[in-house]
């Protein structure tokens, strides 16, 4: 379990950096008039890293002592902020954020024709995803969640 936890916590920084890089790239490239292979790859790598994080997180979801869903979610444990956060809020929010990023990239790649529109779609969907992710990371300054920097 510790290996998954350290991988999930450490790779969060890679995922966040790739997401921020994709957002800045989309903002900078909006007026360029081109949607190049480099743009596709940056967006793809950011999305793939989020999906890797999701898979590692799902592994943790079923073995972590912070998620006690086997003992009943409707018990008094769900009133405890830590169990509710990890068992419901964190995973639901992250799935929503990853879905927003994935659907935004899919629409930009497959349905939109203009390069400005593609960069704009990436910029909007990746920024929304980033904001959701930042809101639902168990940061160390949220003491009740017992989060860590790594």
C-alpha atoms as a PDB file:
ATOM      1  CA  UNK A   1       0.000   0.000   0.000  1.00  0.00           C
ATOM      2  CA  UNK A   2       2.835   2.418   0.794  1.00  0.00           C
ATOM      3  CA  UNK A   3       4.253   2.068  -2.720  1.00  0.00           C
ATOM      4  CA  UNK A   4       0.884   3.010  -4.242  1.00  0.00           C
ATOM      5  CA  UNK A   5       0.474   5.882  -1.804  1.00  0.00           C
ATOM      6  CA  UNK A   6       3.928   7.318  -2.548  1.00  0.00           C
ATOM      7  CA  UNK A   7       3.415   6.862  -6.293  1.00  0.00           C
ATOM      8  CA  UNK A   8       0.026   8.582  -6.145  1.00  0.00           C
ATOM      9  CA  UNK A   9       1.329  11.447  -4.009  1.00  0.00           C
ATOM     10  CA  UNK A  10       4.546  11.935  -5.979  1.00  0.00           C
ATOM     11  CA  UNK A  11       3.036  11.638  -9.443  1.00  0.00           C
ATOM     12  CA  UNK A  12       0.463  14.266  -8.488  1.00  0.00           C
ATOM     13  CA  UNK A  13       3.186  16.866  -9.093  1.00  0.00           C
ATOM     14  CA  UNK A  14       3.929  15.497 -12.556  1.00  0.00           C
ATOM     15  CA  UNK A  15       0.223  15.510 -13.409  1.00  0.00           C
ATOM     16  CA  UNK A  16      -0.232  19.066 -12.115  1.00  0.00           C
ATOM     17  CA  UNK A  17       2.832  20.354 -13.972  1.00  0.00           C
ATOM     18  CA  UNK A  18       1.732  18.733 -17.230  1.00  0.00           C
ATOM     19  CA  UNK A  19      -1.769  20.134 -16.808  1.00  0.00           C
ATOM     20  CA  UNK A  20      -0.450  23.649 -16.130  1.00  0.00           C
ATOM     21  CA  UNK A  21       1.943  23.342 -19.084  1.00  0.00           C
ATOM     22  CA  UNK A  22      -0.917  22.292 -21.376  1.00  0.00           C
ATOM     23  CA  UNK A  23      -3.008  25.247 -20.175  1.00  0.00           C
ATOM     24  CA  UNK A  24      -0.204  27.754 -20.791  1.00  0.00           C
ATOM     25  CA  UNK A  25       0.557  26.184 -24.156  1.00  0.00           C
ATOM     26  CA  UNK A  26      -3.106  26.477 -25.197  1.00  0.00           C
ATOM     27  CA  UNK A  27      -3.283  30.100 -24.029  1.00  0.00           C
ATOM     28  CA  UNK A  28      -0.060  30.994 -25.849  1.00  0.00           C
ATOM     29  CA  UNK A  29      -0.951  29.102 -29.031  1.00  0.00           C
ATOM     30  CA  UNK A  30      -4.525  30.379 -29.385  1.00  0.00           C
ATOM     31  CA  UNK A  31      -3.553  33.163 -31.720  1.00  0.00           C
ATOM     32  CA  UNK A  32      -0.873  31.226 -33.639  1.00  0.00           C
ATOM     33  CA  UNK A  33      -3.295  29.844 -36.208  1.00  0.00           C
ATOM     34  CA  UNK A  34      -1.779  26.367 -35.909  1.00  0.00           C
ATOM     35  CA  UNK A  35      -2.594  23.244 -33.943  1.00  0.00           C
ATOM     36  CA  UNK A  36       0.569  21.214 -34.290  1.00  0.00           C
ATOM     37  CA  UNK A  37       1.640  17.740 -33.276  1.00  0.00           C
ATOM     38  CA  UNK A  38       3.481  19.241 -30.299  1.00  0.00           C
ATOM     39  CA  UNK A  39       0.187  20.683 -29.046  1.00  0.00           C
ATOM     40  CA  UNK A  40      -1.521  17.316 -29.414  1.00  0.00           C
ATOM     41  CA  UNK A  41       1.261  15.551 -27.523  1.00  0.00           C
ATOM     42  CA  UNK A  42       1.306  18.030 -24.646  1.00  0.00           C
ATOM     43  CA  UNK A  43      -2.456  17.689 -24.240  1.00  0.00           C
ATOM     44  CA  UNK A  44      -2.285  13.912 -24.567  1.00  0.00           C
ATOM     45  CA  UNK A  45       0.508  13.491 -22.002  1.00  0.00           C
ATOM     46  CA  UNK A  46      -1.354  15.646 -19.474  1.00  0.00           C
ATOM     47  CA  UNK A  47      -4.528  13.610 -19.957  1.00  0.00           C
ATOM     48  CA  UNK A  48      -2.692  10.265 -19.811  1.00  0.00           C
ATOM     49  CA  UNK A  49      -0.959  11.251 -16.563  1.00  0.00           C
ATOM     50  CA  UNK A  50      -4.346  12.089 -15.053  1.00  0.00           C
ATOM     51  CA  UNK A  51      -5.624   8.669 -16.097  1.00  0.00           C
ATOM     52  CA  UNK A  52      -2.576   6.980 -14.541  1.00  0.00           C
ATOM     53  CA  UNK A  53      -3.288   8.897 -11.337  1.00  0.00           C
ATOM     54  CA  UNK A  54      -6.885   7.684 -11.487  1.00  0.00           C
ATOM     55  CA  UNK A  55      -5.817   4.054 -11.823  1.00  0.00           C
ATOM     56  CA  UNK A  56      -3.370   4.308  -8.916  1.00  0.00           C
ATOM     57  CA  UNK A  57      -6.032   6.107  -6.881  1.00  0.00           C
ATOM     58  CA  UNK A  58      -8.574   3.385  -7.592  1.00  0.00           C
ATOM     59  CA  UNK A  59      -6.065   0.831  -6.336  1.00  0.00           C
ATOM     60  CA  UNK A  60      -5.664   2.849  -3.146  1.00  0.00           C
ATOM     61  CA  UNK A  61      -9.405   3.269  -2.842  1.00  0.00           C
ATOM     62  CA  UNK A  62      -9.880  -0.415  -2.173  1.00  0.00           C
ATOM     63  CA  UNK A  63      -6.964  -0.955   0.242  1.00  0.00           C
ATOM     64  CA  UNK A  64      -6.555   2.328   2.120  1.00  0.00           C
ATOM     65  CA  UNK A  65      -7.607   2.499   5.774  1.00  0.00           C
ATOM     66  CA  UNK A  66      -8.775   6.076   5.095  1.00  0.00           C
ATOM     67  CA  UNK A  67     -11.605   4.671   2.991  1.00  0.00           C
ATOM     68  CA  UNK A  68     -13.774   2.420   5.133  1.00  0.00           C
ATOM     69  CA  UNK A  69     -16.599   1.726   2.739  1.00  0.00           C
ATOM     70  CA  UNK A  70     -16.661  -1.989   3.584  1.00  0.00           C
ATOM     71  CA  UNK A  71     -17.845  -1.129   7.083  1.00  0.00           C
ATOM     72  CA  UNK A  72     -20.756   0.893   5.800  1.00  0.00           C
ATOM     73  CA  UNK A  73     -20.837   4.385   4.430  1.00  0.00           C
ATOM     74  CA  UNK A  74     -23.976   5.305   6.276  1.00  0.00           C
ATOM     75  CA  UNK A  75     -22.403   4.615   9.643  1.00  0.00           C
ATOM     76  CA  UNK A  76     -21.099   7.357  11.864  1.00  0.00           C
ATOM     77  CA  UNK A  77     -17.765   7.124  10.004  1.00  0.00           C
ATOM     78  CA  UNK A  78     -19.212   9.153   7.133  1.00  0.00           C
ATOM     79  CA  UNK A  79     -19.817  11.998   9.555  1.00  0.00           C
ATOM     80  CA  UNK A  80     -16.042  12.016  10.095  1.00  0.00           C
ATOM     81  CA  UNK A  81     -14.626  14.502   7.598  1.00  0.00           C
ATOM     82  CA  UNK A  82     -11.592  12.406   6.677  1.00  0.00           C
ATOM     83  CA  UNK A  83     -13.555   9.272   5.786  1.00  0.00           C
ATOM     84  CA  UNK A  84     -16.146  11.266   3.859  1.00  0.00           C
ATOM     85  CA  UNK A  85     -13.464  13.180   1.975  1.00  0.00           C
ATOM     86  CA  UNK A  86     -11.468  10.119   0.872  1.00  0.00           C
ATOM     87  CA  UNK A  87     -14.436   7.787   0.495  1.00  0.00           C
ATOM     88  CA  UNK A  88     -16.658  10.132  -1.491  1.00  0.00           C
ATOM     89  CA  UNK A  89     -15.585  13.716  -2.173  1.00  0.00           C
ATOM     90  CA  UNK A  90     -12.003  13.127  -3.360  1.00  0.00           C
ATOM     91  CA  UNK A  91     -12.701  10.276  -5.729  1.00  0.00           C
ATOM     92  CA  UNK A  92     -15.921  11.733  -7.125  1.00  0.00           C
ATOM     93  CA  UNK A  93     -14.333  15.130  -7.718  1.00  0.00           C
ATOM     94  CA  UNK A  94     -11.250  13.646  -9.364  1.00  0.00           C
ATOM     95  CA  UNK A  95     -13.342  11.465 -11.670  1.00  0.00           C
ATOM     96  CA  UNK A  96     -15.367  14.536 -12.667  1.00  0.00           C
ATOM     97  CA  UNK A  97     -12.183  16.570 -13.273  1.00  0.00           C
ATOM     98  CA  UNK A  98     -10.630  13.815 -15.391  1.00  0.00           C
ATOM     99  CA  UNK A  99     -13.874  13.421 -17.341  1.00  0.00           C
ATOM    100  CA  UNK A 100     -13.928  17.183 -18.066  1.00  0.00           C
ATOM    101  CA  UNK A 101     -10.323  17.086 -19.290  1.00  0.00           C
ATOM    102  CA  UNK A 102     -10.908  13.946 -21.377  1.00  0.00           C
ATOM    103  CA  UNK A 103     -14.104  15.217 -22.986  1.00  0.00           C
ATOM    104  CA  UNK A 104     -12.519  18.610 -23.673  1.00  0.00           C
ATOM    105  CA  UNK A 105      -9.537  17.044 -25.387  1.00  0.00           C
ATOM    106  CA  UNK A 106     -11.734  14.638 -27.330  1.00  0.00           C
ATOM    107  CA  UNK A 107     -13.937  17.437 -28.603  1.00  0.00           C
ATOM    108  CA  UNK A 108     -10.932  19.586 -29.497  1.00  0.00           C
ATOM    109  CA  UNK A 109      -9.241  16.767 -31.406  1.00  0.00           C
ATOM    110  CA  UNK A 110     -12.209  15.203 -33.172  1.00  0.00           C
ATOM    111  CA  UNK A 111     -14.995  17.735 -33.617  1.00  0.00           C
ATOM    112  CA  UNK A 112     -13.575  21.232 -33.743  1.00  0.00           C
ATOM    113  CA  UNK A 113     -12.091  22.453 -37.012  1.00  0.00           C
ATOM    114  CA  UNK A 114     -10.537  25.854 -36.264  1.00  0.00           C
ATOM    115  CA  UNK A 115      -7.210  25.953 -34.447  1.00  0.00           C
ATOM    116  CA  UNK A 116      -8.360  28.833 -32.259  1.00  0.00           C
ATOM    117  CA  UNK A 117     -11.388  26.787 -31.192  1.00  0.00           C
ATOM    118  CA  UNK A 118      -9.233  23.743 -30.420  1.00  0.00           C
ATOM    119  CA  UNK A 119      -6.845  25.712 -28.212  1.00  0.00           C
ATOM    120  CA  UNK A 120      -9.763  27.488 -26.550  1.00  0.00           C
ATOM    121  CA  UNK A 121     -11.510  24.189 -25.746  1.00  0.00           C
ATOM    122  CA  UNK A 122      -8.300  22.786 -24.251  1.00  0.00           C
ATOM    123  CA  UNK A 123      -7.736  25.987 -22.280  1.00  0.00           C
ATOM    124  CA  UNK A 124     -11.241  25.976 -20.810  1.00  0.00           C
ATOM    125  CA  UNK A 125     -11.617  22.263 -20.070  1.00  0.00           C
ATOM    126  CA  UNK A 126      -8.095  21.790 -18.684  1.00  0.00           C
ATOM    127  CA  UNK A 127      -8.464  24.886 -16.478  1.00  0.00           C
ATOM    128  CA  UNK A 128     -11.788  23.643 -15.082  1.00  0.00           C
ATOM    129  CA  UNK A 129     -10.221  20.245 -14.458  1.00  0.00           C
ATOM    130  CA  UNK A 130      -7.207  21.833 -12.754  1.00  0.00           C
ATOM    131  CA  UNK A 131      -9.388  23.927 -10.447  1.00  0.00           C
ATOM    132  CA  UNK A 132     -11.423  20.894  -9.389  1.00  0.00           C
ATOM    133  CA  UNK A 133      -8.252  18.892  -8.795  1.00  0.00           C
ATOM    134  CA  UNK A 134      -6.616  21.660  -6.737  1.00  0.00           C
ATOM    135  CA  UNK A 135      -9.742  21.978  -4.601  1.00  0.00           C
ATOM    136  CA  UNK A 136      -9.836  18.259  -3.849  1.00  0.00           C
ATOM    137  CA  UNK A 137      -6.188  17.395  -3.217  1.00  0.00           C
ATOM    138  CA  UNK A 138      -5.647  16.511   0.454  1.00  0.00           C
ATOM    139  CA  UNK A 139      -3.109  19.269   1.063  1.00  0.00           C
ATOM    140  CA  UNK A 140      -1.014  19.100   4.284  1.00  0.00           C
ATOM    141  CA  UNK A 141      -2.492  22.370   5.542  1.00  0.00           C
ATOM    142  CA  UNK A 142      -5.882  20.629   5.736  1.00  0.00           C
ATOM    143  CA  UNK A 143      -4.982  18.913   9.016  1.00  0.00           C
ATOM    144  CA  UNK A 144      -8.169  16.879   9.334  1.00  0.00           C
ATOM    145  CA  UNK A 145      -7.356  15.031   6.088  1.00  0.00           C
ATOM    146  CA  UNK A 146      -3.835  14.017   7.138  1.00  0.00           C
ATOM    147  CA  UNK A 147      -2.412  14.865   3.724  1.00  0.00           C
ATOM    148  CA  UNK A 148       1.259  15.144   2.804  1.00  0.00           C
ATOM    149  CA  UNK A 149       3.352  16.977   0.228  1.00  0.00           C
ATOM    150  CA  UNK A 150       4.711  13.662  -1.063  1.00  0.00           C
END
